[in-house]
Structure formats: structure tokens, C-alpha cells
Amino acid sequence: MIAGTIFSCSACNPKVFPYHGAFRACSATKLQSVIKAKAAPSNRNTKPNSVICGDCDGNGAVVCSQCKGSGVNPVDFFNGQFKAGDSCWLCGGRKEMLCGNCNGAGFIGGFMNTDDD
């Protein structure tokens, strides 16, 4: 799976082209995200000796631990600073957050993912 950003400009060029560092100056250019991470379901199906992260199944995102995927605070938090029913204080209502095991990379041994001795 390749992640990246593409630029689409219907005024200059009707087809979508990948961004390789040379950006065309155009006021009609729209920035679009290619891949969006989705939280992994609770059933894990990765092999025990795989480099794929077992917590997120390679997605890089897990269900929010505070709202349990509902996107709203179930109770008041921090002396009423975050009220019940408002968007979740941890995930901001996105219902998912970065995996803490692989730091969002989707595999073990990714960037900044080493144990210090």
C-alpha cells in the first residue's frame, strides 16, 4: 500500500497526477489525501511472527480507548472540563487514534519504534 498526496487540477490538466516535488502554480489545484487509515476490528488475524502490527492489523489506527469508538464522551472528564455527550476529548470525535504499538506505521520495527535497554 502506497500512501501519499495527489494534486488534482481540472483547469490546467483534467487528469490527476502524483506530486513529485514540482508543484504547478494554479489557483484551482485541490489537495486530496490518497489513503485514510481505519481502525482495526477487535479480532486479530495476524501471524505471531509477522512484522505486521498485531494491535492495528497494519492499519496504523486503533479504536479510541476513551469513547470506545462512539466519538463522544460517555461521562464528564477532568472536573467537567469535557462534558458527557460532547466530542471525545482524546480522539476529537474521530473514533480512532494512532496505534501505540507501531506508532501508526502498521508494522513492528518502524520509525522510532525501538526498545531502549
PDB file of N, CA and C in Angstrom:
ATOM      1  N   MET A   1       0.835  -1.157   0.000  1.00  0.00           N
ATOM      2  CA  MET A   1       0.000   0.000   0.000  1.00  0.00           C
ATOM      3  C   MET A   1       0.888   1.232   0.000  1.00  0.00           C
ATOM      4  N   ILE A   2       0.650   2.160  -0.904  1.00  0.00           N
ATOM      5  CA  ILE A   2       1.451   3.364  -1.013  1.00  0.00           C
ATOM      6  C   ILE A   2       0.624   4.543  -0.523  1.00  0.00           C
ATOM      7  N   ALA A   3       1.165   5.260   0.429  1.00  0.00           N
ATOM      8  CA  ALA A   3       0.490   6.449   0.940  1.00  0.00           C
ATOM      9  C   ALA A   3       1.114   7.675   0.314  1.00  0.00           C
ATOM     10  N   GLY A   4       0.340   8.695   0.146  1.00  0.00           N
ATOM     11  CA  GLY A   4       0.893   9.910  -0.407  1.00  0.00           C
ATOM     12  C   GLY A   4      -0.169  10.955  -0.609  1.00  0.00           C
ATOM     13  N   THR A   5       0.201  11.972  -1.327  1.00  0.00           N
ATOM     14  CA  THR A   5      -0.703  13.069  -1.602  1.00  0.00           C
ATOM     15  C   THR A   5      -0.734  13.297  -3.095  1.00  0.00           C
ATOM     16  N   ILE A   6      -1.912  13.547  -3.630  1.00  0.00           N
ATOM     17  CA  ILE A   6      -2.033  13.851  -5.044  1.00  0.00           C
ATOM     18  C   ILE A   6      -2.665  15.220  -5.199  1.00  0.00           C
ATOM     19  N   PHE A   7      -2.412  15.835  -6.318  1.00  0.00           N
ATOM     20  CA  PHE A   7      -2.991  17.122  -6.626  1.00  0.00           C
ATOM     21  C   PHE A   7      -3.837  16.966  -7.876  1.00  0.00           C
ATOM     22  N   SER A   8      -5.013  17.530  -7.862  1.00  0.00           N
ATOM     23  CA  SER A   8      -5.921  17.449  -8.986  1.00  0.00           C
ATOM     24  C   SER A   8      -6.241  18.859  -9.451  1.00  0.00           C
ATOM     25  N   CYS A   9      -6.057  19.116 -10.717  1.00  0.00           N
ATOM     26  CA  CYS A   9      -6.337  20.446 -11.248  1.00  0.00           C
ATOM     27  C   CYS A   9      -7.152  20.292 -12.519  1.00  0.00           C
ATOM     28  N   SER A  10      -8.448  20.544 -12.434  1.00  0.00           N
ATOM     29  CA  SER A  10      -9.305  20.390 -13.602  1.00  0.00           C
ATOM     30  C   SER A  10      -9.130  21.545 -14.585  1.00  0.00           C
ATOM     31  N   ALA A  11      -8.657  22.699 -14.114  1.00  0.00           N
ATOM     32  CA  ALA A  11      -8.476  23.843 -15.000  1.00  0.00           C
ATOM     33  C   ALA A  11      -7.227  23.691 -15.865  1.00  0.00           C
ATOM     34  N   CYS A  12      -6.149  23.140 -15.295  1.00  0.00           N
ATOM     35  CA  CYS A  12      -4.887  23.007 -16.032  1.00  0.00           C
ATOM     36  C   CYS A  12      -4.780  21.674 -16.759  1.00  0.00           C
ATOM     37  N   ASN A  13      -5.103  20.611 -16.062  1.00  0.00           N
ATOM     38  CA  ASN A  13      -4.929  19.270 -16.597  1.00  0.00           C
ATOM     39  C   ASN A  13      -6.075  18.411 -16.081  1.00  0.00           C
ATOM     40  N   PRO A  14      -6.861  17.792 -16.933  1.00  0.00           N
ATOM     41  CA  PRO A  14      -8.023  17.050 -16.456  1.00  0.00           C
ATOM     42  C   PRO A  14      -7.688  15.771 -15.705  1.00  0.00           C
ATOM     43  N   LYS A  15      -6.469  15.256 -15.809  1.00  0.00           N
ATOM     44  CA  LYS A  15      -6.151  14.029 -15.094  1.00  0.00           C
ATOM     45  C   LYS A  15      -5.367  14.307 -13.815  1.00  0.00           C
ATOM     46  N   VAL A  16      -5.439  13.380 -12.898  1.00  0.00           N
ATOM     47  CA  VAL A  16      -4.776  13.510 -11.608  1.00  0.00           C
ATOM     48  C   VAL A  16      -3.338  13.040 -11.758  1.00  0.00           C
ATOM     49  N   PHE A  17      -2.403  13.815 -11.244  1.00  0.00           N
ATOM     50  CA  PHE A  17      -1.001  13.442 -11.352  1.00  0.00           C
ATOM     51  C   PHE A  17      -0.374  13.383  -9.972  1.00  0.00           C
ATOM     52  N   PRO A  18       0.574  12.440  -9.747  1.00  0.00           N
ATOM     53  CA  PRO A  18       1.233  12.361  -8.445  1.00  0.00           C
ATOM     54  C   PRO A  18       2.183  13.529  -8.244  1.00  0.00           C
ATOM     55  N   TYR A  19       2.324  13.924  -7.002  1.00  0.00           N
ATOM     56  CA  TYR A  19       3.199  15.037  -6.646  1.00  0.00           C
ATOM     57  C   TYR A  19       4.614  14.524  -6.458  1.00  0.00           C
ATOM     58  N   HIS A  20       5.556  15.032  -7.242  1.00  0.00           N
ATOM     59  CA  HIS A  20       6.960  14.613  -7.157  1.00  0.00           C
ATOM     60  C   HIS A  20       7.870  15.774  -6.797  1.00  0.00           C
ATOM     61  N   GLY A  21       7.370  16.773  -6.113  1.00  0.00           N
ATOM     62  CA  GLY A  21       8.206  17.881  -5.701  1.00  0.00           C
ATOM     63  C   GLY A  21       8.093  19.100  -6.596  1.00  0.00           C
ATOM     64  N   ALA A  22       7.644  18.942  -7.825  1.00  0.00           N
ATOM     65  CA  ALA A  22       7.488  20.075  -8.725  1.00  0.00           C
ATOM     66  C   ALA A  22       6.008  20.435  -8.781  1.00  0.00           C
ATOM     67  N   PHE A  23       5.616  21.454  -8.062  1.00  0.00           N
ATOM     68  CA  PHE A  23       4.210  21.829  -7.968  1.00  0.00           C
ATOM     69  C   PHE A  23       3.882  22.876  -9.016  1.00  0.00           C
ATOM     70  N   ARG A  24       2.813  22.650  -9.742  1.00  0.00           N
ATOM     71  CA  ARG A  24       2.373  23.621 -10.726  1.00  0.00           C
ATOM     72  C   ARG A  24       1.580  24.717 -10.030  1.00  0.00           C
ATOM     73  N   ALA A  25       1.902  25.952 -10.336  1.00  0.00           N
ATOM     74  CA  ALA A  25       1.196  27.080  -9.723  1.00  0.00           C
ATOM     75  C   ALA A  25      -0.154  27.250 -10.401  1.00  0.00           C
ATOM     76  N   CYS A  26      -1.202  26.950  -9.679  1.00  0.00           N
ATOM     77  CA  CYS A  26      -2.544  27.057 -10.216  1.00  0.00           C
ATOM     78  C   CYS A  26      -3.497  27.312  -9.062  1.00  0.00           C
ATOM     79  N   SER A  27      -4.387  28.242  -9.225  1.00  0.00           N
ATOM     80  CA  SER A  27      -5.319  28.567  -8.146  1.00  0.00           C
ATOM     81  C   SER A  27      -6.425  27.532  -8.017  1.00  0.00           C
ATOM     82  N   ALA A  28      -6.627  26.682  -9.014  1.00  0.00           N
ATOM     83  CA  ALA A  28      -7.712  25.706  -8.980  1.00  0.00           C
ATOM     84  C   ALA A  28      -7.262  24.349  -8.458  1.00  0.00           C
ATOM     85  N   THR A  29      -6.012  24.213  -8.027  1.00  0.00           N
ATOM     86  CA  THR A  29      -5.486  22.935  -7.569  1.00  0.00           C
ATOM     87  C   THR A  29      -6.083  22.562  -6.223  1.00  0.00           C
ATOM     88  N   LYS A  30      -6.500  21.310  -6.107  1.00  0.00           N
ATOM     89  CA  LYS A  30      -7.080  20.819  -4.863  1.00  0.00           C
ATOM     90  C   LYS A  30      -6.187  19.731  -4.294  1.00  0.00           C
ATOM     91  N   LEU A  31      -5.946  19.789  -3.006  1.00  0.00           N
ATOM     92  CA  LEU A  31      -5.149  18.790  -2.313  1.00  0.00           C
ATOM     93  C   LEU A  31      -6.070  17.676  -1.841  1.00  0.00           C
ATOM     94  N   GLN A  32      -5.741  16.439  -2.167  1.00  0.00           N
ATOM     95  CA  GLN A  32      -6.559  15.304  -1.775  1.00  0.00           C
ATOM     96  C   GLN A  32      -5.681  14.266  -1.108  1.00  0.00           C
ATOM     97  N   SER A  33      -6.189  13.640  -0.065  1.00  0.00           N
ATOM     98  CA  SER A  33      -5.471  12.572   0.613  1.00  0.00           C
ATOM     99  C   SER A  33      -5.767  11.260  -0.094  1.00  0.00           C
ATOM    100  N   VAL A  34      -4.732  10.454  -0.339  1.00  0.00           N
ATOM    101  CA  VAL A  34      -4.893   9.208  -1.075  1.00  0.00           C
ATOM    102  C   VAL A  34      -5.420   8.099  -0.181  1.00  0.00           C
ATOM    103  N   ILE A  35      -4.860   7.934   0.996  1.00  0.00           N
ATOM    104  CA  ILE A  35      -5.205   6.813   1.864  1.00  0.00           C
ATOM    105  C   ILE A  35      -5.639   7.339   3.217  1.00  0.00           C
ATOM    106  N   LYS A  36      -6.707   6.773   3.733  1.00  0.00           N
ATOM    107  CA  LYS A  36      -7.194   7.157   5.050  1.00  0.00           C
ATOM    108  C   LYS A  36      -7.199   5.907   5.917  1.00  0.00           C
ATOM    109  N   ALA A  37      -6.563   5.987   7.068  1.00  0.00           N
ATOM    110  CA  ALA A  37      -6.480   4.835   7.964  1.00  0.00           C
ATOM    111  C   ALA A  37      -7.802   4.614   8.666  1.00  0.00           C
ATOM    112  N   LYS A  38      -8.197   3.375   8.796  1.00  0.00           N
ATOM    113  CA  LYS A  38      -9.401   2.999   9.521  1.00  0.00           C
ATOM    114  C   LYS A  38      -9.006   2.092  10.668  1.00  0.00           C
ATOM    115  N   ALA A  39      -9.715   2.203  11.761  1.00  0.00           N
ATOM    116  CA  ALA A  39      -9.416   1.397  12.940  1.00  0.00           C
ATOM    117  C   ALA A  39      -9.659  -0.075  12.657  1.00  0.00           C
ATOM    118  N   ALA A  40      -8.799  -0.914  13.212  1.00  0.00           N
ATOM    119  CA  ALA A  40      -8.910  -2.354  13.022  1.00  0.00           C
ATOM    120  C   ALA A  40      -9.979  -2.920  13.949  1.00  0.00           C
ATOM    121  N   PRO A  41     -10.719  -3.933  13.492  1.00  0.00           N
ATOM    122  CA  PRO A  41     -11.684  -4.576  14.381  1.00  0.00           C
ATOM    123  C   PRO A  41     -10.969  -5.325  15.496  1.00  0.00           C
ATOM    124  N   SER A  42     -11.712  -5.713  16.509  1.00  0.00           N
ATOM    125  CA  SER A  42     -11.093  -6.311  17.690  1.00  0.00           C
ATOM    126  C   SER A  42     -10.527  -7.708  17.441  1.00  0.00           C
ATOM    127  N   ASN A  43     -11.002  -8.419  16.422  1.00  0.00           N
ATOM    128  CA  ASN A  43     -10.469  -9.758  16.163  1.00  0.00           C
ATOM    129  C   ASN A  43      -9.152  -9.644  15.395  1.00  0.00           C
ATOM    130  N   ARG A  44      -8.097 -10.157  15.985  1.00  0.00           N
ATOM    131  CA  ARG A  44      -6.770 -10.079  15.367  1.00  0.00           C
ATOM    132  C   ARG A  44      -6.528 -11.339  14.552  1.00  0.00           C
ATOM    133  N   ASN A  45      -5.992 -11.147  13.349  1.00  0.00           N
ATOM    134  CA  ASN A  45      -5.751 -12.297  12.491  1.00  0.00           C
ATOM    135  C   ASN A  45      -4.336 -12.307  11.926  1.00  0.00           C
ATOM    136  N   THR A  46      -3.387 -11.631  12.571  1.00  0.00           N
ATOM    137  CA  THR A  46      -2.017 -11.632  12.080  1.00  0.00           C
ATOM    138  C   THR A  46      -1.251 -12.810  12.666  1.00  0.00           C
ATOM    139  N   LYS A  47      -0.235 -13.224  11.961  1.00  0.00           N
ATOM    140  CA  LYS A  47       0.601 -14.324  12.427  1.00  0.00           C
ATOM    141  C   LYS A  47       1.475 -13.848  13.579  1.00  0.00           C
ATOM    142  N   PRO A  48       1.817 -14.722  14.514  1.00  0.00           N
ATOM    143  CA  PRO A  48       2.615 -14.285  15.664  1.00  0.00           C
ATOM    144  C   PRO A  48       4.021 -13.820  15.298  1.00  0.00           C
ATOM    145  N   ASN A  49       4.613 -14.319  14.226  1.00  0.00           N
ATOM    146  CA  ASN A  49       5.972 -13.936  13.831  1.00  0.00           C
ATOM    147  C   ASN A  49       5.982 -12.949  12.668  1.00  0.00           C
ATOM    148  N   SER A  50       4.872 -12.292  12.413  1.00  0.00           N
ATOM    149  CA  SER A  50       4.763 -11.351  11.308  1.00  0.00           C
ATOM    150  C   SER A  50       5.290  -9.976  11.715  1.00  0.00           C
ATOM    151  N   VAL A  51       5.739  -9.182  10.735  1.00  0.00           N
ATOM    152  CA  VAL A  51       6.153  -7.812  11.014  1.00  0.00           C
ATOM    153  C   VAL A  51       4.948  -6.874  11.055  1.00  0.00           C
ATOM    154  N   ILE A  52       3.797  -7.347  10.587  1.00  0.00           N
ATOM    155  CA  ILE A  52       2.569  -6.547  10.642  1.00  0.00           C
ATOM    156  C   ILE A  52       2.162  -6.386  12.098  1.00  0.00           C
ATOM    157  N   CYS A  53       1.794  -5.186  12.489  1.00  0.00           N
ATOM    158  CA  CYS A  53       1.407  -4.903  13.869  1.00  0.00           C
ATOM    159  C   CYS A  53       0.155  -5.693  14.236  1.00  0.00           C
ATOM    160  N   GLY A  54       0.205  -6.373  15.373  1.00  0.00           N
ATOM    161  CA  GLY A  54      -0.922  -7.175  15.825  1.00  0.00           C
ATOM    162  C   GLY A  54      -2.028  -6.367  16.460  1.00  0.00           C
ATOM    163  N   ASP A  55      -1.718  -5.160  16.935  1.00  0.00           N
ATOM    164  CA  ASP A  55      -2.745  -4.336  17.571  1.00  0.00           C
ATOM    165  C   ASP A  55      -3.670  -3.680  16.556  1.00  0.00           C
ATOM    166  N   CYS A  56      -3.122  -3.204  15.447  1.00  0.00           N
ATOM    167  CA  CYS A  56      -3.939  -2.490  14.457  1.00  0.00           C
ATOM    168  C   CYS A  56      -4.089  -3.264  13.147  1.00  0.00           C
ATOM    169  N   ASP A  57      -3.532  -4.457  13.043  1.00  0.00           N
ATOM    170  CA  ASP A  57      -3.559  -5.279  11.827  1.00  0.00           C
ATOM    171  C   ASP A  57      -3.006  -4.537  10.610  1.00  0.00           C
ATOM    172  N   GLY A  58      -2.027  -3.684  10.833  1.00  0.00           N
ATOM    173  CA  GLY A  58      -1.367  -2.995   9.735  1.00  0.00           C
ATOM    174  C   GLY A  58      -2.032  -1.704   9.300  1.00  0.00           C
ATOM    175  N   ASN A  59      -3.120  -1.301   9.949  1.00  0.00           N
ATOM    176  CA  ASN A  59      -3.812  -0.070   9.556  1.00  0.00           C
ATOM    177  C   ASN A  59      -3.178   1.184  10.134  1.00  0.00           C
ATOM    178  N   GLY A  60      -2.518   1.063  11.277  1.00  0.00           N
ATOM    179  CA  GLY A  60      -1.935   2.224  11.925  1.00  0.00           C
ATOM    180  C   GLY A  60      -2.890   2.964  12.839  1.00  0.00           C
ATOM    181  N   ALA A  61      -4.143   2.522  12.904  1.00  0.00           N
ATOM    182  CA  ALA A  61      -5.138   3.178  13.759  1.00  0.00           C
ATOM    183  C   ALA A  61      -5.879   2.129  14.573  1.00  0.00           C
ATOM    184  N   VAL A  62      -6.218   2.490  15.802  1.00  0.00           N
ATOM    185  CA  VAL A  62      -6.995   1.611  16.680  1.00  0.00           C
ATOM    186  C   VAL A  62      -8.207   2.388  17.190  1.00  0.00           C
ATOM    187  N   VAL A  63      -9.201   1.667  17.677  1.00  0.00           N
ATOM    188  CA  VAL A  63     -10.399   2.297  18.223  1.00  0.00           C
ATOM    189  C   VAL A  63     -10.016   3.103  19.463  1.00  0.00           C
ATOM    190  N   CYS A  64     -10.592   4.269  19.613  1.00  0.00           N
ATOM    191  CA  CYS A  64     -10.285   5.149  20.744  1.00  0.00           C
ATOM    192  C   CYS A  64     -10.572   4.440  22.057  1.00  0.00           C
ATOM    193  N   SER A  65      -9.626   4.531  22.983  1.00  0.00           N
ATOM    194  CA  SER A  65      -9.762   3.827  24.255  1.00  0.00           C
ATOM    195  C   SER A  65     -10.701   4.540  25.223  1.00  0.00           C
ATOM    196  N   GLN A  66     -10.993   5.804  25.011  1.00  0.00           N
ATOM    197  CA  GLN A  66     -11.877   6.531  25.917  1.00  0.00           C
ATOM    198  C   GLN A  66     -13.340   6.421  25.509  1.00  0.00           C
ATOM    199  N   CYS A  67     -13.652   6.702  24.255  1.00  0.00           N
ATOM    200  CA  CYS A  67     -15.051   6.681  23.820  1.00  0.00           C
ATOM    201  C   CYS A  67     -15.462   5.334  23.252  1.00  0.00           C
ATOM    202  N   LYS A  68     -14.527   4.403  23.124  1.00  0.00           N
ATOM    203  CA  LYS A  68     -14.774   3.060  22.586  1.00  0.00           C
ATOM    204  C   LYS A  68     -15.381   3.096  21.180  1.00  0.00           C
ATOM    205  N   GLY A  69     -14.991   4.104  20.404  1.00  0.00           N
ATOM    206  CA  GLY A  69     -15.434   4.193  19.020  1.00  0.00           C
ATOM    207  C   GLY A  69     -16.739   4.928  18.807  1.00  0.00           C
ATOM    208  N   SER A  70     -17.308   5.520  19.850  1.00  0.00           N
ATOM    209  CA  SER A  70     -18.568   6.250  19.677  1.00  0.00           C
ATOM    210  C   SER A  70     -18.332   7.693  19.229  1.00  0.00           C
ATOM    211  N   GLY A  71     -17.174   8.263  19.552  1.00  0.00           N
ATOM    212  CA  GLY A  71     -16.859   9.627  19.159  1.00  0.00           C
ATOM    213  C   GLY A  71     -17.308  10.688  20.145  1.00  0.00           C
ATOM    214  N   VAL A  72     -18.021  10.282  21.209  1.00  0.00           N
ATOM    215  CA  VAL A  72     -18.487  11.244  22.216  1.00  0.00           C
ATOM    216  C   VAL A  72     -18.051  10.794  23.601  1.00  0.00           C
ATOM    217  N   ASN A  73     -17.907  11.745  24.524  1.00  0.00           N
ATOM    218  CA  ASN A  73     -17.546  11.431  25.904  1.00  0.00           C
ATOM    219  C   ASN A  73     -18.706  10.710  26.586  1.00  0.00           C
ATOM    220  N   PRO A  74     -18.469   9.536  27.170  1.00  0.00           N
ATOM    221  CA  PRO A  74     -19.557   8.844  27.875  1.00  0.00           C
ATOM    222  C   PRO A  74     -19.891   9.501  29.213  1.00  0.00           C
ATOM    223  N   VAL A  75     -18.915  10.120  29.866  1.00  0.00           N
ATOM    224  CA  VAL A  75     -19.103  10.799  31.152  1.00  0.00           C
ATOM    225  C   VAL A  75     -18.275  12.084  31.148  1.00  0.00           C
ATOM    226  N   ASP A  76     -18.467  12.927  32.161  1.00  0.00           N
ATOM    227  CA  ASP A  76     -17.647  14.132  32.313  1.00  0.00           C
ATOM    228  C   ASP A  76     -16.214  13.736  32.665  1.00  0.00           C
ATOM    229  N   PHE A  77     -15.241  14.453  32.090  1.00  0.00           N
ATOM    230  CA  PHE A  77     -13.834  14.215  32.376  1.00  0.00           C
ATOM    231  C   PHE A  77     -13.197  15.491  32.900  1.00  0.00           C
ATOM    232  N   PHE A  78     -12.188  15.344  33.750  1.00  0.00           N
ATOM    233  CA  PHE A  78     -11.366  16.438  34.256  1.00  0.00           C
ATOM    234  C   PHE A  78     -12.214  17.534  34.901  1.00  0.00           C
ATOM    235  N   ASN A  79     -12.987  17.121  35.907  1.00  0.00           N
ATOM    236  CA  ASN A  79     -13.826  18.047  36.687  1.00  0.00           C
ATOM    237  C   ASN A  79     -14.795  18.848  35.817  1.00  0.00           C
ATOM    238  N   GLY A  80     -15.369  18.206  34.816  1.00  0.00           N
ATOM    239  CA  GLY A  80     -16.369  18.862  33.975  1.00  0.00           C
ATOM    240  C   GLY A  80     -15.825  19.683  32.835  1.00  0.00           C
ATOM    241  N   GLN A  81     -14.501  19.656  32.622  1.00  0.00           N
ATOM    242  CA  GLN A  81     -13.924  20.417  31.512  1.00  0.00           C
ATOM    243  C   GLN A  81     -14.381  19.836  30.171  1.00  0.00           C
ATOM    244  N   PHE A  82     -14.508  18.512  30.109  1.00  0.00           N
ATOM    245  CA  PHE A  82     -15.012  17.837  28.916  1.00  0.00           C
ATOM    246  C   PHE A  82     -16.312  17.150  29.303  1.00  0.00           C
ATOM    247  N   LYS A  83     -17.429  17.660  28.824  1.00  0.00           N
ATOM    248  CA  LYS A  83     -18.754  17.213  29.235  1.00  0.00           C
ATOM    249  C   LYS A  83     -19.169  15.932  28.519  1.00  0.00           C
ATOM    250  N   ALA A  84     -20.027  15.163  29.190  1.00  0.00           N
ATOM    251  CA  ALA A  84     -20.609  13.966  28.585  1.00  0.00           C
ATOM    252  C   ALA A  84     -21.475  14.390  27.402  1.00  0.00           C
ATOM    253  N   GLY A  85     -21.349  13.679  26.288  1.00  0.00           N
ATOM    254  CA  GLY A  85     -22.115  13.991  25.087  1.00  0.00           C
ATOM    255  C   GLY A  85     -21.380  14.874  24.101  1.00  0.00           C
ATOM    256  N   ASP A  86     -20.335  15.583  24.544  1.00  0.00           N
ATOM    257  CA  ASP A  86     -19.512  16.371  23.619  1.00  0.00           C
ATOM    258  C   ASP A  86     -18.572  15.435  22.871  1.00  0.00           C
ATOM    259  N   SER A  87     -17.908  15.944  21.837  1.00  0.00           N
ATOM    260  CA  SER A  87     -16.966  15.097  21.108  1.00  0.00           C
ATOM    261  C   SER A  87     -15.846  14.652  22.048  1.00  0.00           C
ATOM    262  N   CYS A  88     -15.353  13.457  21.829  1.00  0.00           N
ATOM    263  CA  CYS A  88     -14.382  12.811  22.711  1.00  0.00           C
ATOM    264  C   CYS A  88     -13.150  13.691  22.910  1.00  0.00           C
ATOM    265  N   TRP A  89     -12.694  13.781  24.146  1.00  0.00           N
ATOM    266  CA  TRP A  89     -11.541  14.623  24.475  1.00  0.00           C
ATOM    267  C   TRP A  89     -10.242  14.036  23.951  1.00  0.00           C
ATOM    268  N   LEU A  90     -10.187  12.716  23.726  1.00  0.00           N
ATOM    269  CA  LEU A  90      -8.946  12.079  23.301  1.00  0.00           C
ATOM    270  C   LEU A  90      -8.820  12.017  21.778  1.00  0.00           C
ATOM    271  N   CYS A  91      -9.859  11.547  21.102  1.00  0.00           N
ATOM    272  CA  CYS A  91      -9.782  11.398  19.643  1.00  0.00           C
ATOM    273  C   CYS A  91     -10.413  12.571  18.899  1.00  0.00           C
ATOM    274  N   GLY A  92     -11.082  13.473  19.620  1.00  0.00           N
ATOM    275  CA  GLY A  92     -11.700  14.624  18.970  1.00  0.00           C
ATOM    276  C   GLY A  92     -12.901  14.265  18.125  1.00  0.00           C
ATOM    277  N   GLY A  93     -13.532  13.119  18.397  1.00  0.00           N
ATOM    278  CA  GLY A  93     -14.703  12.696  17.643  1.00  0.00           C
ATOM    279  C   GLY A  93     -14.385  11.856  16.422  1.00  0.00           C
ATOM    280  N   ARG A  94     -13.112  11.568  16.176  1.00  0.00           N
ATOM    281  CA  ARG A  94     -12.725  10.768  15.004  1.00  0.00           C
ATOM    282  C   ARG A  94     -12.943   9.276  15.214  1.00  0.00           C
ATOM    283  N   LYS A  95     -13.184   8.858  16.447  1.00  0.00           N
ATOM    284  CA  LYS A  95     -13.495   7.480  16.823  1.00  0.00           C
ATOM    285  C   LYS A  95     -12.295   6.547  16.781  1.00  0.00           C
ATOM    286  N   GLU A  96     -11.151   7.025  16.335  1.00  0.00           N
ATOM    287  CA  GLU A  96      -9.952   6.205  16.292  1.00  0.00           C
ATOM    288  C   GLU A  96      -8.736   7.075  16.577  1.00  0.00           C
ATOM    289  N   MET A  97      -7.633   6.412  16.935  1.00  0.00           N
ATOM    290  CA  MET A  97      -6.397   7.131  17.235  1.00  0.00           C
ATOM    291  C   MET A  97      -5.222   6.303  16.737  1.00  0.00           C
ATOM    292  N   LEU A  98      -4.044   6.893  16.724  1.00  0.00           N
ATOM    293  CA  LEU A  98      -2.859   6.182  16.254  1.00  0.00           C
ATOM    294  C   LEU A  98      -2.557   4.994  17.146  1.00  0.00           C
ATOM    295  N   CYS A  99      -2.097   3.934  16.540  1.00  0.00           N
ATOM    296  CA  CYS A  99      -1.715   2.733  17.278  1.00  0.00           C
ATOM    297  C   CYS A  99      -0.460   3.037  18.094  1.00  0.00           C
ATOM    298  N   GLY A 100      -0.477   2.692  19.364  1.00  0.00           N
ATOM    299  CA  GLY A 100       0.670   2.935  20.223  1.00  0.00           C
ATOM    300  C   GLY A 100       1.752   1.891  20.092  1.00  0.00           C
ATOM    301  N   ASN A 101       1.432   0.749  19.503  1.00  0.00           N
ATOM    302  CA  ASN A 101       2.407  -0.324  19.357  1.00  0.00           C
ATOM    303  C   ASN A 101       3.358  -0.063  18.188  1.00  0.00           C
ATOM    304  N   CYS A 102       2.825   0.429  17.077  1.00  0.00           N
ATOM    305  CA  CYS A 102       3.656   0.657  15.887  1.00  0.00           C
ATOM    306  C   CYS A 102       3.790   2.141  15.548  1.00  0.00           C
ATOM    307  N   ASN A 103       3.241   3.022  16.386  1.00  0.00           N
ATOM    308  CA  ASN A 103       3.267   4.471  16.156  1.00  0.00           C
ATOM    309  C   ASN A 103       2.636   4.872  14.827  1.00  0.00           C
ATOM    310  N   GLY A 104       1.629   4.131  14.404  1.00  0.00           N
ATOM    311  CA  GLY A 104       0.909   4.461  13.183  1.00  0.00           C
ATOM    312  C   GLY A 104       1.544   3.944  11.913  1.00  0.00           C
ATOM    313  N   ALA A 105       2.677   3.239  12.016  1.00  0.00           N
ATOM    314  CA  ALA A 105       3.366   2.742  10.822  1.00  0.00           C
ATOM    315  C   ALA A 105       2.687   1.507  10.244  1.00  0.00           C
ATOM    316  N   GLY A 106       2.042   0.698  11.078  1.00  0.00           N
ATOM    317  CA  GLY A 106       1.385  -0.508  10.598  1.00  0.00           C
ATOM    318  C   GLY A 106       2.249  -1.748  10.688  1.00  0.00           C
ATOM    319  N   PHE A 107       3.525  -1.579  11.023  1.00  0.00           N
ATOM    320  CA  PHE A 107       4.411  -2.734  11.152  1.00  0.00           C
ATOM    321  C   PHE A 107       5.367  -2.506  12.312  1.00  0.00           C
ATOM    322  N   ILE A 108       5.857  -3.583  12.872  1.00  0.00           N
ATOM    323  CA  ILE A 108       6.771  -3.516  14.003  1.00  0.00           C
ATOM    324  C   ILE A 108       8.174  -3.217  13.483  1.00  0.00           C
ATOM    325  N   GLY A 109       8.900  -2.386  14.199  1.00  0.00           N
ATOM    326  CA  GLY A 109      10.247  -2.022  13.775  1.00  0.00           C
ATOM    327  C   GLY A 109      10.263  -0.799  12.897  1.00  0.00           C
ATOM    328  N   GLY A 110       9.180  -0.023  12.909  1.00  0.00           N
ATOM    329  CA  GLY A 110       9.101   1.181  12.099  1.00  0.00           C
ATOM    330  C   GLY A 110       9.873   2.331  12.709  1.00  0.00           C
ATOM    331  N   PHE A 111       9.646   3.502  12.215  1.00  0.00           N
ATOM    332  CA  PHE A 111      10.326   4.719  12.642  1.00  0.00           C
ATOM    333  C   PHE A 111      10.113   4.968  14.129  1.00  0.00           C
ATOM    334  N   MET A 112      11.200   5.194  14.861  1.00  0.00           N
ATOM    335  CA  MET A 112      11.160   5.498  16.298  1.00  0.00           C
ATOM    336  C   MET A 112      10.452   4.409  17.092  1.00  0.00           C
ATOM    337  N   ASN A 113      10.672   3.163  16.735  1.00  0.00           N
ATOM    338  CA  ASN A 113       9.975   2.071  17.396  1.00  0.00           C
ATOM    339  C   ASN A 113      10.986   1.047  17.890  1.00  0.00           C
ATOM    340  N   THR A 114      11.843   1.440  18.821  1.00  0.00           N
ATOM    341  CA  THR A 114      12.825   0.521  19.379  1.00  0.00           C
ATOM    342  C   THR A 114      12.733   0.547  20.891  1.00  0.00           C
ATOM    343  N   ASP A 115      13.113  -0.541  21.515  1.00  0.00           N
ATOM    344  CA  ASP A 115      13.147  -0.619  22.967  1.00  0.00           C
ATOM    345  C   ASP A 115      14.536  -0.218  23.443  1.00  0.00           C
ATOM    346  N   ASP A 116      14.605   0.753  24.334  1.00  0.00           N
ATOM    347  CA  ASP A 116      15.888   1.166  24.898  1.00  0.00           C
ATOM    348  C   ASP A 116      16.253   0.243  26.043  1.00  0.00           C
ATOM    349  N   ASP A 117      17.517  -0.140  26.103  1.00  0.00           N
ATOM    350  CA  ASP A 117      17.982  -1.019  27.183  1.00  0.00           C
ATOM    351  C   ASP A 117      18.584  -0.234  28.308  1.00  0.00           C
TER     352      ASP A 117
END
